[in-house]
Amino acid sequence: MYVSMSQIISGRIRTDKKGWHNMGKAKRIKELNKIKEWLLTTCNFNSQVYKAIDRMSINNLPGNCGIMNRLTTDGYIAGQDYPGELRFIKNLIKKEC
């Protein structure tokens, strides 16, 4: 089962067994690191976006918006415009982190 960036930001996750419940800090950190690891592979090393993603932490997260549901620990679930959507996410992180 994957975890979305939206769930990491909100700190809540839904499972079949428990329904909606709070995600512990250690799990949030672990899952955020998986997303960061994947996102960093899509950036130029030492770019502003790379640096913003690298410094993103549980205490320094971007705002939550619908597109963050598609950014998961398994990568990005593309909509109609994969490059544009990924660029939007990266720019949001750069702006807010």
PDB file of N, CA and C in Angstrom:
ATOM      1  N   MET A   1       0.827  -1.182   0.000  1.00  0.00           N
ATOM      2  CA  MET A   1       0.000   0.000   0.000  1.00  0.00           C
ATOM      3  C   MET A   1       0.876   1.252   0.000  1.00  0.00           C
ATOM      4  N   TYR A   2       0.547   2.181  -0.860  1.00  0.00           N
ATOM      5  CA  TYR A   2       1.317   3.411  -0.910  1.00  0.00           C
ATOM      6  C   TYR A   2       0.713   4.463   0.014  1.00  0.00           C
ATOM      7  N   VAL A   3       1.515   5.473   0.320  1.00  0.00           N
ATOM      8  CA  VAL A   3       1.083   6.615   1.119  1.00  0.00           C
ATOM      9  C   VAL A   3       1.254   7.849   0.234  1.00  0.00           C
ATOM     10  N   SER A   4       0.263   8.736   0.248  1.00  0.00           N
ATOM     11  CA  SER A   4       0.353   9.939  -0.575  1.00  0.00           C
ATOM     12  C   SER A   4       0.962  11.097   0.218  1.00  0.00           C
ATOM     13  N   MET A   5       1.478  12.076  -0.514  1.00  0.00           N
ATOM     14  CA  MET A   5       2.026  13.276   0.109  1.00  0.00           C
ATOM     15  C   MET A   5       0.923  13.995   0.894  1.00  0.00           C
ATOM     16  N   SER A   6      -0.280  13.963   0.389  1.00  0.00           N
ATOM     17  CA  SER A   6      -1.416  14.575   1.080  1.00  0.00           C
ATOM     18  C   SER A   6      -1.613  13.955   2.455  1.00  0.00           C
ATOM     19  N   GLN A   7      -1.470  12.651   2.550  1.00  0.00           N
ATOM     20  CA  GLN A   7      -1.615  11.964   3.837  1.00  0.00           C
ATOM     21  C   GLN A   7      -0.472  12.328   4.780  1.00  0.00           C
ATOM     22  N   ILE A   8       0.720  12.476   4.247  1.00  0.00           N
ATOM     23  CA  ILE A   8       1.867  12.875   5.072  1.00  0.00           C
ATOM     24  C   ILE A   8       1.646  14.279   5.615  1.00  0.00           C
ATOM     25  N   ILE A   9       1.171  15.183   4.762  1.00  0.00           N
ATOM     26  CA  ILE A   9       0.932  16.563   5.185  1.00  0.00           C
ATOM     27  C   ILE A   9      -0.144  16.616   6.270  1.00  0.00           C
ATOM     28  N   SER A  10      -1.228  15.893   6.064  1.00  0.00           N
ATOM     29  CA  SER A  10      -2.339  15.931   7.032  1.00  0.00           C
ATOM     30  C   SER A  10      -2.051  15.112   8.285  1.00  0.00           C
ATOM     31  N   GLY A  11      -1.160  14.129   8.160  1.00  0.00           N
ATOM     32  CA  GLY A  11      -0.851  13.262   9.300  1.00  0.00           C
ATOM     33  C   GLY A  11      -1.903  12.193   9.538  1.00  0.00           C
ATOM     34  N   ARG A  12      -2.791  11.988   8.555  1.00  0.00           N
ATOM     35  CA  ARG A  12      -3.848  10.979   8.681  1.00  0.00           C
ATOM     36  C   ARG A  12      -3.779  10.019   7.509  1.00  0.00           C
ATOM     37  N   ILE A  13      -4.078   8.770   7.791  1.00  0.00           N
ATOM     38  CA  ILE A  13      -4.010   7.729   6.772  1.00  0.00           C
ATOM     39  C   ILE A  13      -5.225   6.812   6.924  1.00  0.00           C
ATOM     40  N   ARG A  14      -5.650   6.230   5.817  1.00  0.00           N
ATOM     41  CA  ARG A  14      -6.785   5.302   5.857  1.00  0.00           C
ATOM     42  C   ARG A  14      -6.301   3.900   5.526  1.00  0.00           C
ATOM     43  N   THR A  15      -6.653   2.969   6.372  1.00  0.00           N
ATOM     44  CA  THR A  15      -6.367   1.563   6.105  1.00  0.00           C
ATOM     45  C   THR A  15      -7.678   0.788   6.171  1.00  0.00           C
ATOM     46  N   ASP A  16      -7.714  -0.356   5.529  1.00  0.00           N
ATOM     47  CA  ASP A  16      -8.923  -1.178   5.549  1.00  0.00           C
ATOM     48  C   ASP A  16      -9.243  -1.654   6.971  1.00  0.00           C
ATOM     49  N   LYS A  17      -8.206  -1.930   7.730  1.00  0.00           N
ATOM     50  CA  LYS A  17      -8.397  -2.488   9.064  1.00  0.00           C
ATOM     51  C   LYS A  17      -8.854  -1.440  10.086  1.00  0.00           C
ATOM     52  N   LYS A  18      -8.236  -0.252  10.066  1.00  0.00           N
ATOM     53  CA  LYS A  18      -8.502   0.765  11.080  1.00  0.00           C
ATOM     54  C   LYS A  18      -9.350   1.938  10.591  1.00  0.00           C
ATOM     55  N   GLY A  19      -9.571   2.050   9.294  1.00  0.00           N
ATOM     56  CA  GLY A  19     -10.235   3.240   8.769  1.00  0.00           C
ATOM     57  C   GLY A  19      -9.269   4.420   8.839  1.00  0.00           C
ATOM     58  N   TRP A  20      -9.785   5.624   9.019  1.00  0.00           N
ATOM     59  CA  TRP A  20      -8.922   6.806   9.136  1.00  0.00           C
ATOM     60  C   TRP A  20      -8.340   6.887  10.533  1.00  0.00           C
ATOM     61  N   HIS A  21      -7.031   7.113  10.620  1.00  0.00           N
ATOM     62  CA  HIS A  21      -6.366   7.275  11.906  1.00  0.00           C
ATOM     63  C   HIS A  21      -5.106   8.114  11.729  1.00  0.00           C
ATOM     64  N   ASN A  22      -4.581   8.588  12.850  1.00  0.00           N
ATOM     65  CA  ASN A  22      -3.369   9.406  12.802  1.00  0.00           C
ATOM     66  C   ASN A  22      -2.160   8.547  12.450  1.00  0.00           C
ATOM     67  N   MET A  23      -1.266   9.150  11.671  1.00  0.00           N
ATOM     68  CA  MET A  23      -0.024   8.486  11.305  1.00  0.00           C
ATOM     69  C   MET A  23       1.052   8.964  12.280  1.00  0.00           C
ATOM     70  N   GLY A  24       1.790   8.070  12.869  1.00  0.00           N
ATOM     71  CA  GLY A  24       2.843   8.447  13.804  1.00  0.00           C
ATOM     72  C   GLY A  24       3.942   9.248  13.123  1.00  0.00           C
ATOM     73  N   LYS A  25       4.654  10.047  13.904  1.00  0.00           N
ATOM     74  CA  LYS A  25       5.704  10.913  13.363  1.00  0.00           C
ATOM     75  C   LYS A  25       6.797  10.107  12.661  1.00  0.00           C
ATOM     76  N   ALA A  26       7.206   8.994  13.249  1.00  0.00           N
ATOM     77  CA  ALA A  26       8.261   8.170  12.648  1.00  0.00           C
ATOM     78  C   ALA A  26       7.829   7.645  11.277  1.00  0.00           C
ATOM     79  N   LYS A  27       6.568   7.217  11.157  1.00  0.00           N
ATOM     80  CA  LYS A  27       6.067   6.725   9.873  1.00  0.00           C
ATOM     81  C   LYS A  27       5.990   7.868   8.862  1.00  0.00           C
ATOM     82  N   ARG A  28       5.554   9.051   9.305  1.00  0.00           N
ATOM     83  CA  ARG A  28       5.492  10.206   8.400  1.00  0.00           C
ATOM     84  C   ARG A  28       6.881  10.541   7.859  1.00  0.00           C
ATOM     85  N   ILE A  29       7.870  10.526   8.729  1.00  0.00           N
ATOM     86  CA  ILE A  29       9.245  10.824   8.307  1.00  0.00           C
ATOM     87  C   ILE A  29       9.729   9.778   7.308  1.00  0.00           C
ATOM     88  N   LYS A  30       9.497   8.518   7.607  1.00  0.00           N
ATOM     89  CA  LYS A  30       9.922   7.418   6.725  1.00  0.00           C
ATOM     90  C   LYS A  30       9.281   7.552   5.346  1.00  0.00           C
ATOM     91  N   GLU A  31       7.976   7.807   5.308  1.00  0.00           N
ATOM     92  CA  GLU A  31       7.267   7.911   4.031  1.00  0.00           C
ATOM     93  C   GLU A  31       7.665   9.178   3.279  1.00  0.00           C
ATOM     94  N   LEU A  32       7.871  10.287   3.991  1.00  0.00           N
ATOM     95  CA  LEU A  32       8.330  11.520   3.345  1.00  0.00           C
ATOM     96  C   LEU A  32       9.694  11.301   2.698  1.00  0.00           C
ATOM     97  N   ASN A  33      10.575  10.594   3.372  1.00  0.00           N
ATOM     98  CA  ASN A  33      11.896  10.326   2.807  1.00  0.00           C
ATOM     99  C   ASN A  33      11.813   9.507   1.518  1.00  0.00           C
ATOM    100  N   LYS A  34      10.854   8.586   1.441  1.00  0.00           N
ATOM    101  CA  LYS A  34      10.664   7.817   0.205  1.00  0.00           C
ATOM    102  C   LYS A  34      10.248   8.736  -0.932  1.00  0.00           C
ATOM    103  N   ILE A  35       9.332   9.644  -0.656  1.00  0.00           N
ATOM    104  CA  ILE A  35       8.872  10.575  -1.692  1.00  0.00           C
ATOM    105  C   ILE A  35      10.002  11.517  -2.098  1.00  0.00           C
ATOM    106  N   LYS A  36      10.728  12.025  -1.120  1.00  0.00           N
ATOM    107  CA  LYS A  36      11.855  12.918  -1.429  1.00  0.00           C
ATOM    108  C   LYS A  36      12.891  12.200  -2.293  1.00  0.00           C
ATOM    109  N   GLU A  37      13.203  10.962  -1.936  1.00  0.00           N
ATOM    110  CA  GLU A  37      14.190  10.178  -2.687  1.00  0.00           C
ATOM    111  C   GLU A  37      13.786  10.073  -4.154  1.00  0.00           C
ATOM    112  N   TRP A  38      12.511   9.785  -4.404  1.00  0.00           N
ATOM    113  CA  TRP A  38      12.033   9.683  -5.783  1.00  0.00           C
ATOM    114  C   TRP A  38      12.052  11.046  -6.469  1.00  0.00           C
ATOM    115  N   LEU A  39      11.530  12.081  -5.798  1.00  0.00           N
ATOM    116  CA  LEU A  39      11.472  13.416  -6.410  1.00  0.00           C
ATOM    117  C   LEU A  39      12.858  13.940  -6.774  1.00  0.00           C
ATOM    118  N   LEU A  40      13.836  13.679  -5.919  1.00  0.00           N
ATOM    119  CA  LEU A  40      15.195  14.169  -6.184  1.00  0.00           C
ATOM    120  C   LEU A  40      15.779  13.574  -7.463  1.00  0.00           C
ATOM    121  N   THR A  41      15.334  12.384  -7.832  1.00  0.00           N
ATOM    122  CA  THR A  41      15.837  11.784  -9.081  1.00  0.00           C
ATOM    123  C   THR A  41      15.285  12.483 -10.309  1.00  0.00           C
ATOM    124  N   THR A  42      14.265  13.313 -10.139  1.00  0.00           N
ATOM    125  CA  THR A  42      13.654  14.017 -11.269  1.00  0.00           C
ATOM    126  C   THR A  42      14.188  15.438 -11.415  1.00  0.00           C
ATOM    127  N   CYS A  43      15.173  15.808 -10.584  1.00  0.00           N
ATOM    128  CA  CYS A  43      15.699  17.183 -10.569  1.00  0.00           C
ATOM    129  C   CYS A  43      17.170  17.215 -10.945  1.00  0.00           C
ATOM    130  N   ASN A  44      17.592  18.369 -11.416  1.00  0.00           N
ATOM    131  CA  ASN A  44      19.019  18.610 -11.619  1.00  0.00           C
ATOM    132  C   ASN A  44      19.668  18.846 -10.263  1.00  0.00           C
ATOM    133  N   PHE A  45      20.789  18.176 -10.036  1.00  0.00           N
ATOM    134  CA  PHE A  45      21.520  18.324  -8.779  1.00  0.00           C
ATOM    135  C   PHE A  45      21.914  19.789  -8.601  1.00  0.00           C
ATOM    136  N   ASN A  46      21.755  20.309  -7.402  1.00  0.00           N
ATOM    137  CA  ASN A  46      22.093  21.684  -7.021  1.00  0.00           C
ATOM    138  C   ASN A  46      21.165  22.743  -7.603  1.00  0.00           C
ATOM    139  N   SER A  47      20.057  22.348  -8.234  1.00  0.00           N
ATOM    140  CA  SER A  47      19.080  23.347  -8.681  1.00  0.00           C
ATOM    141  C   SER A  47      18.311  23.848  -7.455  1.00  0.00           C
ATOM    142  N   GLN A  48      17.600  24.951  -7.599  1.00  0.00           N
ATOM    143  CA  GLN A  48      16.806  25.476  -6.485  1.00  0.00           C
ATOM    144  C   GLN A  48      15.724  24.487  -6.067  1.00  0.00           C
ATOM    145  N   VAL A  49      15.141  23.813  -7.036  1.00  0.00           N
ATOM    146  CA  VAL A  49      14.109  22.815  -6.733  1.00  0.00           C
ATOM    147  C   VAL A  49      14.717  21.656  -5.949  1.00  0.00           C
ATOM    148  N   TYR A  50      15.876  21.169  -6.375  1.00  0.00           N
ATOM    149  CA  TYR A  50      16.562  20.081  -5.683  1.00  0.00           C
ATOM    150  C   TYR A  50      16.816  20.462  -4.222  1.00  0.00           C
ATOM    151  N   LYS A  51      17.326  21.663  -4.011  1.00  0.00           N
ATOM    152  CA  LYS A  51      17.635  22.126  -2.648  1.00  0.00           C
ATOM    153  C   LYS A  51      16.371  22.236  -1.803  1.00  0.00           C
ATOM    154  N   ALA A  52      15.278  22.727  -2.400  1.00  0.00           N
ATOM    155  CA  ALA A  52      14.016  22.852  -1.661  1.00  0.00           C
ATOM    156  C   ALA A  52      13.475  21.482  -1.261  1.00  0.00           C
ATOM    157  N   ILE A  53      13.521  20.525  -2.187  1.00  0.00           N
ATOM    158  CA  ILE A  53      13.049  19.170  -1.879  1.00  0.00           C
ATOM    159  C   ILE A  53      13.931  18.549  -0.801  1.00  0.00           C
ATOM    160  N   ASP A  54      15.232  18.752  -0.912  1.00  0.00           N
ATOM    161  CA  ASP A  54      16.182  18.188   0.043  1.00  0.00           C
ATOM    162  C   ASP A  54      15.950  18.715   1.462  1.00  0.00           C
ATOM    163  N   ARG A  55      15.565  19.984   1.593  1.00  0.00           N
ATOM    164  CA  ARG A  55      15.357  20.547   2.937  1.00  0.00           C
ATOM    165  C   ARG A  55      13.931  20.348   3.462  1.00  0.00           C
ATOM    166  N   MET A  56      13.046  19.812   2.630  1.00  0.00           N
ATOM    167  CA  MET A  56      11.680  19.545   3.071  1.00  0.00           C
ATOM    168  C   MET A  56      11.704  18.531   4.218  1.00  0.00           C
ATOM    169  N   SER A  57      10.932  18.808   5.266  1.00  0.00           N
ATOM    170  CA  SER A  57      10.876  17.916   6.420  1.00  0.00           C
ATOM    171  C   SER A  57       9.463  17.938   6.993  1.00  0.00           C
ATOM    172  N   ILE A  58       9.222  17.143   7.999  1.00  0.00           N
ATOM    173  CA  ILE A  58       7.908  17.109   8.641  1.00  0.00           C
ATOM    174  C   ILE A  58       7.537  18.489   9.170  1.00  0.00           C
ATOM    175  N   ASN A  59       8.522  19.255   9.602  1.00  0.00           N
ATOM    176  CA  ASN A  59       8.271  20.598  10.122  1.00  0.00           C
ATOM    177  C   ASN A  59       8.288  21.660   9.030  1.00  0.00           C
ATOM    178  N   ASN A  60       8.534  21.264   7.795  1.00  0.00           N
ATOM    179  CA  ASN A  60       8.652  22.204   6.678  1.00  0.00           C
ATOM    180  C   ASN A  60       8.033  21.567   5.436  1.00  0.00           C
ATOM    181  N   LEU A  61       6.700  21.464   5.437  1.00  0.00           N
ATOM    182  CA  LEU A  61       5.984  20.828   4.337  1.00  0.00           C
ATOM    183  C   LEU A  61       5.222  21.863   3.519  1.00  0.00           C
ATOM    184  N   PRO A  62       5.007  21.598   2.233  1.00  0.00           N
ATOM    185  CA  PRO A  62       4.188  22.502   1.429  1.00  0.00           C
ATOM    186  C   PRO A  62       2.719  22.395   1.829  1.00  0.00           C
ATOM    187  N   GLY A  63       1.929  23.352   1.375  1.00  0.00           N
ATOM    188  CA  GLY A  63       0.490  23.297   1.628  1.00  0.00           C
ATOM    189  C   GLY A  63      -0.127  22.106   0.918  1.00  0.00           C
ATOM    190  N   ASN A  64      -1.256  21.679   1.430  1.00  0.00           N
ATOM    191  CA  ASN A  64      -1.935  20.523   0.857  1.00  0.00           C
ATOM    192  C   ASN A  64      -2.896  20.973  -0.235  1.00  0.00           C
ATOM    193  N   CYS A  65      -2.821  20.342  -1.371  1.00  0.00           N
ATOM    194  CA  CYS A  65      -3.774  20.589  -2.452  1.00  0.00           C
ATOM    195  C   CYS A  65      -4.035  19.255  -3.142  1.00  0.00           C
ATOM    196  N   GLY A  66      -5.077  19.198  -3.953  1.00  0.00           N
ATOM    197  CA  GLY A  66      -5.528  17.939  -4.531  1.00  0.00           C
ATOM    198  C   GLY A  66      -4.467  17.150  -5.261  1.00  0.00           C
ATOM    199  N   ILE A  67      -3.569  17.830  -5.948  1.00  0.00           N
ATOM    200  CA  ILE A  67      -2.546  17.132  -6.735  1.00  0.00           C
ATOM    201  C   ILE A  67      -1.593  16.336  -5.844  1.00  0.00           C
ATOM    202  N   MET A  68      -1.504  16.701  -4.575  1.00  0.00           N
ATOM    203  CA  MET A  68      -0.616  15.988  -3.649  1.00  0.00           C
ATOM    204  C   MET A  68      -1.112  14.574  -3.368  1.00  0.00           C
ATOM    205  N   ASN A  69      -2.390  14.296  -3.684  1.00  0.00           N
ATOM    206  CA  ASN A  69      -2.898  12.922  -3.542  1.00  0.00           C
ATOM    207  C   ASN A  69      -2.234  11.991  -4.549  1.00  0.00           C
ATOM    208  N   ARG A  70      -1.738  12.545  -5.657  1.00  0.00           N
ATOM    209  CA  ARG A  70      -1.141  11.711  -6.705  1.00  0.00           C
ATOM    210  C   ARG A  70       0.361  11.510  -6.537  1.00  0.00           C
ATOM    211  N   LEU A  71       0.970  12.293  -5.649  1.00  0.00           N
ATOM    212  CA  LEU A  71       2.392  12.120  -5.355  1.00  0.00           C
ATOM    213  C   LEU A  71       2.480  11.115  -4.216  1.00  0.00           C
ATOM    214  N   THR A  72       3.015   9.916  -4.520  1.00  0.00           N
ATOM    215  CA  THR A  72       2.983   8.825  -3.544  1.00  0.00           C
ATOM    216  C   THR A  72       4.375   8.235  -3.321  1.00  0.00           C
ATOM    217  N   THR A  73       4.439   7.343  -2.362  1.00  0.00           N
ATOM    218  CA  THR A  73       5.695   6.646  -2.085  1.00  0.00           C
ATOM    219  C   THR A  73       6.085   5.716  -3.233  1.00  0.00           C
ATOM    220  N   ASP A  74       5.159   5.455  -4.141  1.00  0.00           N
ATOM    221  CA  ASP A  74       5.452   4.646  -5.329  1.00  0.00           C
ATOM    222  C   ASP A  74       5.780   5.491  -6.544  1.00  0.00           C
ATOM    223  N   GLY A  75       5.832   6.821  -6.390  1.00  0.00           N
ATOM    224  CA  GLY A  75       6.107   7.725  -7.504  1.00  0.00           C
ATOM    225  C   GLY A  75       4.940   8.659  -7.719  1.00  0.00           C
ATOM    226  N   TYR A  76       4.728   9.058  -8.959  1.00  0.00           N
ATOM    227  CA  TYR A  76       3.646   9.982  -9.279  1.00  0.00           C
ATOM    228  C   TYR A  76       2.619   9.290 -10.158  1.00  0.00           C
ATOM    229  N   ILE A  77       1.356   9.414  -9.793  1.00  0.00           N
ATOM    230  CA  ILE A  77       0.270   8.859 -10.588  1.00  0.00           C
ATOM    231  C   ILE A  77      -0.183   9.961 -11.533  1.00  0.00           C
ATOM    232  N   ALA A  78       0.206   9.845 -12.775  1.00  0.00           N
ATOM    233  CA  ALA A  78       0.011  10.924 -13.740  1.00  0.00           C
ATOM    234  C   ALA A  78      -1.437  11.118 -14.121  1.00  0.00           C
ATOM    235  N   GLY A  79      -1.761  12.374 -14.375  1.00  0.00           N
ATOM    236  CA  GLY A  79      -3.054  12.741 -14.948  1.00  0.00           C
ATOM    237  C   GLY A  79      -2.854  12.920 -16.445  1.00  0.00           C
ATOM    238  N   GLN A  80      -3.395  13.983 -17.008  1.00  0.00           N
ATOM    239  CA  GLN A  80      -3.297  14.206 -18.450  1.00  0.00           C
ATOM    240  C   GLN A  80      -1.975  14.835 -18.876  1.00  0.00           C
ATOM    241  N   ASP A  81      -1.329  15.588 -17.975  1.00  0.00           N
ATOM    242  CA  ASP A  81      -0.119  16.326 -18.338  1.00  0.00           C
ATOM    243  C   ASP A  81       0.988  16.045 -17.327  1.00  0.00           C
ATOM    244  N   TYR A  82       1.610  14.880 -17.436  1.00  0.00           N
ATOM    245  CA  TYR A  82       2.636  14.457 -16.477  1.00  0.00           C
ATOM    246  C   TYR A  82       3.723  15.514 -16.264  1.00  0.00           C
ATOM    247  N   PRO A  83       4.381  16.010 -17.326  1.00  0.00           N
ATOM    248  CA  PRO A  83       5.451  16.994 -17.099  1.00  0.00           C
ATOM    249  C   PRO A  83       4.946  18.277 -16.434  1.00  0.00           C
ATOM    250  N   GLY A  84       3.793  18.750 -16.850  1.00  0.00           N
ATOM    251  CA  GLY A  84       3.241  19.973 -16.274  1.00  0.00           C
ATOM    252  C   GLY A  84       2.845  19.810 -14.819  1.00  0.00           C
ATOM    253  N   GLU A  85       2.249  18.680 -14.497  1.00  0.00           N
ATOM    254  CA  GLU A  85       1.825  18.416 -13.123  1.00  0.00           C
ATOM    255  C   GLU A  85       3.027  18.267 -12.197  1.00  0.00           C
ATOM    256  N   LEU A  86       4.048  17.563 -12.652  1.00  0.00           N
ATOM    257  CA  LEU A  86       5.249  17.388 -11.841  1.00  0.00           C
ATOM    258  C   LEU A  86       5.956  18.733 -11.645  1.00  0.00           C
ATOM    259  N   ARG A  87       5.986  19.547 -12.688  1.00  0.00           N
ATOM    260  CA  ARG A  87       6.574  20.891 -12.590  1.00  0.00           C
ATOM    261  C   ARG A  87       5.805  21.729 -11.565  1.00  0.00           C
ATOM    262  N   PHE A  88       4.460  21.628 -11.568  1.00  0.00           N
ATOM    263  CA  PHE A  88       3.641  22.364 -10.606  1.00  0.00           C
ATOM    264  C   PHE A  88       4.001  21.959  -9.173  1.00  0.00           C
ATOM    265  N   ILE A  89       4.112  20.661  -8.923  1.00  0.00           N
ATOM    266  CA  ILE A  89       4.457  20.164  -7.592  1.00  0.00           C
ATOM    267  C   ILE A  89       5.830  20.668  -7.162  1.00  0.00           C
ATOM    268  N   LYS A  90       6.792  20.564  -8.060  1.00  0.00           N
ATOM    269  CA  LYS A  90       8.156  21.005  -7.734  1.00  0.00           C
ATOM    270  C   LYS A  90       8.188  22.505  -7.427  1.00  0.00           C
ATOM    271  N   ASN A  91       7.473  23.298  -8.223  1.00  0.00           N
ATOM    272  CA  ASN A  91       7.438  24.750  -7.979  1.00  0.00           C
ATOM    273  C   ASN A  91       6.740  25.081  -6.673  1.00  0.00           C
ATOM    274  N   LEU A  92       5.710  24.329  -6.330  1.00  0.00           N
ATOM    275  CA  LEU A  92       5.031  24.532  -5.043  1.00  0.00           C
ATOM    276  C   LEU A  92       5.985  24.247  -3.890  1.00  0.00           C
ATOM    277  N   ILE A  93       6.724  23.174  -3.987  1.00  0.00           N
ATOM    278  CA  ILE A  93       7.700  22.832  -2.944  1.00  0.00           C
ATOM    279  C   ILE A  93       8.785  23.905  -2.874  1.00  0.00           C
ATOM    280  N   LYS A  94       9.265  24.344  -4.031  1.00  0.00           N
ATOM    281  CA  LYS A  94      10.311  25.379  -4.071  1.00  0.00           C
ATOM    282  C   LYS A  94       9.821  26.664  -3.405  1.00  0.00           C
ATOM    283  N   LYS A  95       8.578  27.020  -3.669  1.00  0.00           N
ATOM    284  CA  LYS A  95       7.996  28.257  -3.128  1.00  0.00           C
ATOM    285  C   LYS A  95       7.766  28.169  -1.617  1.00  0.00           C
ATOM    286  N   GLU A  96       7.307  27.011  -1.139  1.00  0.00           N
ATOM    287  CA  GLU A  96       6.860  26.898   0.242  1.00  0.00           C
ATOM    288  C   GLU A  96       7.853  26.232   1.205  1.00  0.00           C
ATOM    289  N   CYS A  97       8.885  25.624   0.662  1.00  0.00           N
ATOM    290  CA  CYS A  97       9.854  24.948   1.546  1.00  0.00           C
ATOM    291  C   CYS A  97      11.197  25.633   1.425  1.00  0.00           C
TER     292      CYS A  97
END
